[in-house]
């Protein structure tokens, strides 16, 4: 067995590119290698906020319909990059039908367009999974971590992660951050 000698792990905008089963393996392996009182910091796209913004934009009748539709479609393709392979009007209708609920939209995509959620080695930059606070909390607990705390850019229980010149520099306005503690 390998010694538990890792204090800090940082992962920025990676989880959304790997399948849930791979993330589960990763979390369990990290939990087995990290010391007690250590921190695994994650930055992921803030899809919940983006869907909320798309909803507000779409319902604002003063904005041009083309802009409203594009904002909705952009939110969908930020969740699942390959939504661009589907009909734009179809995606917009689905999001409206689900009242811009990202969990319902994610479930719909997984059930009806599973190919959008599959990792493709020739397209590693594509977003294929949706991560919410509840999903991260559940995975953290299952993997042996003691807590999963949502934080802000530059805010962490581990001092090194508060250095915004080094950490949390990727699109902080469109990201959410979590300290997952052992």
Protein backbone atom coordinates (compact mmCIF):
# COMPACT_ATOMS: atom_id res chain seq x y z
CA UNK A 1 0.00 0.00 0.00
CA UNK A 2 1.17 3.49 -0.80
CA UNK A 3 1.67 5.90 2.12
CA UNK A 4 -0.87 8.65 2.74
CA UNK A 5 1.42 11.58 2.10
CA UNK A 6 -0.50 14.06 -0.08
CA UNK A 7 -1.53 17.36 1.52
CA UNK A 8 -2.99 19.28 -1.41
CA UNK A 9 -4.53 18.41 -4.78
CA UNK A 10 -5.81 21.01 -7.25
CA UNK A 11 -7.96 20.25 -10.28
CA UNK A 12 -9.34 23.04 -12.44
CA UNK A 13 -11.98 22.43 -15.11
CA UNK A 14 -11.26 18.75 -15.52
CA UNK A 15 -14.21 16.84 -14.02
CA UNK A 16 -16.65 17.94 -16.72
CA UNK A 17 -14.41 16.21 -19.29
CA UNK A 18 -14.47 12.74 -17.72
CA UNK A 19 -17.20 10.18 -17.17
CA UNK A 20 -18.74 9.74 -13.73
CA UNK A 21 -17.26 6.26 -13.34
CA UNK A 22 -13.76 7.62 -13.95
CA UNK A 23 -14.36 10.46 -11.49
CA UNK A 24 -15.44 7.93 -8.86
CA UNK A 25 -12.19 5.98 -9.32
CA UNK A 26 -10.19 9.22 -9.14
CA UNK A 27 -11.90 10.43 -5.95
CA UNK A 28 -11.46 7.07 -4.20
CA UNK A 29 -7.79 6.88 -5.18
CA UNK A 30 -7.13 10.42 -3.98
CA UNK A 31 -8.95 9.77 -0.71
CA UNK A 32 -6.74 6.72 -0.15
CA UNK A 33 -3.54 8.71 -0.78
CA UNK A 34 -4.31 11.96 1.02
CA UNK A 35 -3.40 12.71 4.63
CA UNK A 36 -6.02 13.55 7.22
CA UNK A 37 -6.85 17.29 7.20
CA UNK A 38 -5.71 17.62 3.58
CA UNK A 39 -7.59 19.45 0.80
CA UNK A 40 -8.62 18.47 -2.70
CA UNK A 41 -9.65 21.70 -4.45
CA UNK A 42 -11.83 21.58 -7.54
CA UNK A 43 -12.92 24.28 -9.99
CA UNK A 44 -15.81 23.39 -12.29
CA UNK A 45 -18.13 25.35 -14.59
CA UNK A 46 -21.01 26.96 -12.69
CA UNK A 47 -23.69 25.38 -14.85
CA UNK A 48 -26.44 26.05 -12.30
CA UNK A 49 -25.75 29.79 -12.45
CA UNK A 50 -25.50 29.70 -16.23
CA UNK A 51 -28.89 27.96 -16.53
CA UNK A 52 -30.39 30.48 -14.12
CA UNK A 53 -28.98 33.34 -16.21
CA UNK A 54 -30.31 31.72 -19.41
CA UNK A 55 -33.76 31.46 -17.81
CA UNK A 56 -33.78 35.12 -16.79
CA UNK A 57 -32.55 36.17 -20.21
CA UNK A 58 -35.09 34.03 -22.06
CA UNK A 59 -37.97 35.39 -19.96
CA UNK A 60 -36.90 39.00 -20.55
CA UNK A 61 -39.19 39.89 -23.43
CA UNK A 62 -37.39 43.19 -24.03
CA UNK A 63 -34.36 41.35 -25.39
CA UNK A 64 -34.29 40.26 -29.04
CA UNK A 65 -35.44 36.65 -29.47
CA UNK A 66 -32.24 35.73 -31.33
CA UNK A 67 -30.14 36.83 -28.35
CA UNK A 68 -32.43 35.05 -25.88
CA UNK A 69 -32.28 31.81 -27.89
CA UNK A 70 -28.51 31.99 -28.27
CA UNK A 71 -28.07 32.48 -24.52
CA UNK A 72 -30.19 29.37 -23.86
CA UNK A 73 -28.30 27.33 -26.43
CA UNK A 74 -24.95 28.49 -25.05
CA UNK A 75 -25.92 27.25 -21.58
CA UNK A 76 -26.78 23.83 -23.02
CA UNK A 77 -23.51 23.51 -24.93
CA UNK A 78 -21.51 24.60 -21.87
CA UNK A 79 -23.05 21.64 -20.06
CA UNK A 80 -22.64 19.19 -22.94
CA UNK A 81 -20.38 20.51 -25.70
CA UNK A 82 -21.82 18.19 -28.31
CA UNK A 83 -25.28 19.77 -28.01
CA UNK A 84 -24.05 21.65 -31.09
CA UNK A 85 -24.63 18.35 -32.96
CA UNK A 86 -28.36 18.60 -32.18
CA UNK A 87 -30.96 20.96 -33.59
CA UNK A 88 -30.72 24.32 -31.81
CA UNK A 89 -34.50 24.85 -31.66
CA UNK A 90 -34.95 21.34 -30.22
CA UNK A 91 -32.45 22.04 -27.41
CA UNK A 92 -34.11 25.37 -26.63
CA UNK A 93 -37.56 23.71 -26.46
CA UNK A 94 -36.24 21.02 -24.11
CA UNK A 95 -34.67 23.57 -21.75
CA UNK A 96 -37.88 25.61 -21.69
CA UNK A 97 -39.93 22.45 -21.05
CA UNK A 98 -37.70 21.63 -18.06
CA UNK A 99 -37.89 25.25 -16.87
CA UNK A 100 -34.10 25.53 -17.19
CA UNK A 101 -33.49 22.89 -14.51
CA UNK A 102 -29.94 21.60 -15.15
CA UNK A 103 -30.53 18.27 -13.36
CA UNK A 104 -33.59 17.49 -15.49
CA UNK A 105 -31.78 18.54 -18.67
CA UNK A 106 -28.77 16.39 -17.76
CA UNK A 107 -31.01 13.38 -17.11
CA UNK A 108 -32.78 13.97 -20.43
CA UNK A 109 -29.49 14.10 -22.33
CA UNK A 110 -28.19 10.94 -20.62
CA UNK A 111 -31.42 9.06 -21.42
CA UNK A 112 -31.98 10.34 -24.96
CA UNK A 113 -28.57 11.35 -26.29
CA UNK A 114 -26.11 9.13 -24.45
CA UNK A 115 -23.47 9.70 -27.14
CA UNK A 116 -23.12 13.31 -25.89
CA UNK A 117 -21.98 11.98 -22.51
CA UNK A 118 -19.38 9.54 -23.80
CA UNK A 119 -15.68 10.35 -23.63
CA UNK A 120 -14.09 10.51 -27.06
CA UNK A 121 -10.26 10.43 -27.04
CA UNK A 122 -10.13 12.61 -30.16
CA UNK A 123 -12.31 15.25 -28.40
CA UNK A 124 -10.88 15.57 -24.86
CA UNK A 125 -11.95 19.21 -24.61
CA UNK A 126 -15.67 18.36 -24.74
CA UNK A 127 -17.83 18.64 -21.64
CA UNK A 128 -19.53 15.29 -21.06
CA UNK A 129 -20.70 15.40 -17.42
CA UNK A 130 -22.69 17.78 -15.26
CA UNK A 131 -21.50 18.42 -11.72
CA UNK A 132 -23.76 20.01 -9.13
CA UNK A 133 -23.05 20.69 -5.49
CA UNK A 134 -25.17 17.68 -4.47
CA UNK A 135 -23.41 15.33 -6.89
CA UNK A 136 -20.00 16.43 -5.58
CA UNK A 137 -21.07 16.09 -1.95
CA UNK A 138 -22.38 12.57 -2.57
CA UNK A 139 -19.27 11.48 -4.47
CA UNK A 140 -17.00 12.97 -1.80
CA UNK A 141 -18.78 11.07 0.98
CA UNK A 142 -18.78 7.80 -0.98
CA UNK A 143 -15.06 8.19 -1.60
CA UNK A 144 -14.09 8.73 2.03
CA UNK A 145 -13.74 12.50 2.27
CA UNK A 146 -15.07 14.22 5.39
CA UNK A 147 -16.53 17.35 3.81
CA UNK A 148 -17.22 19.16 0.56
CA UNK A 149 -17.49 22.93 0.92
CA UNK A 150 -18.38 25.37 -1.84
CA UNK A 151 -16.09 28.37 -1.75
CA UNK A 152 -15.27 31.39 -3.92
CA UNK A 153 -12.30 32.13 -6.14
CA UNK A 154 -9.27 32.70 -3.90
CA UNK A 155 -11.12 31.47 -0.80
CA UNK A 156 -9.98 28.20 0.74
CA UNK A 157 -9.36 26.50 4.05
CA UNK A 158 -5.87 25.70 2.72
CA UNK A 159 -3.72 28.82 2.50
CA UNK A 160 -1.82 27.91 -0.69
CA UNK A 161 -5.11 27.83 -2.62
CA UNK A 162 -5.85 31.46 -1.70
CA UNK A 163 -3.06 32.63 -4.03
CA UNK A 164 -5.08 33.85 -7.03
CA UNK A 165 -1.93 34.40 -9.09
CA UNK A 166 -1.50 30.63 -9.18
CA UNK A 167 -4.92 29.09 -8.45
CA UNK A 168 -8.50 29.82 -9.55
CA UNK A 169 -7.44 31.80 -12.61
CA UNK A 170 -9.60 30.02 -15.23
CA UNK A 171 -12.80 31.97 -15.86
CA UNK A 172 -13.56 32.82 -12.21
CA UNK A 173 -16.84 34.53 -13.15
CA UNK A 174 -18.12 31.29 -14.72
CA UNK A 175 -16.69 28.83 -12.21
CA UNK A 176 -17.52 27.43 -8.82
CA UNK A 177 -14.96 26.14 -6.37
CA UNK A 178 -15.02 23.37 -3.82
CA UNK A 179 -12.69 22.38 -1.00
CA UNK A 180 -13.07 18.66 -0.47
CA UNK A 181 -11.42 17.73 2.80
CA UNK A 182 -10.06 14.51 4.16
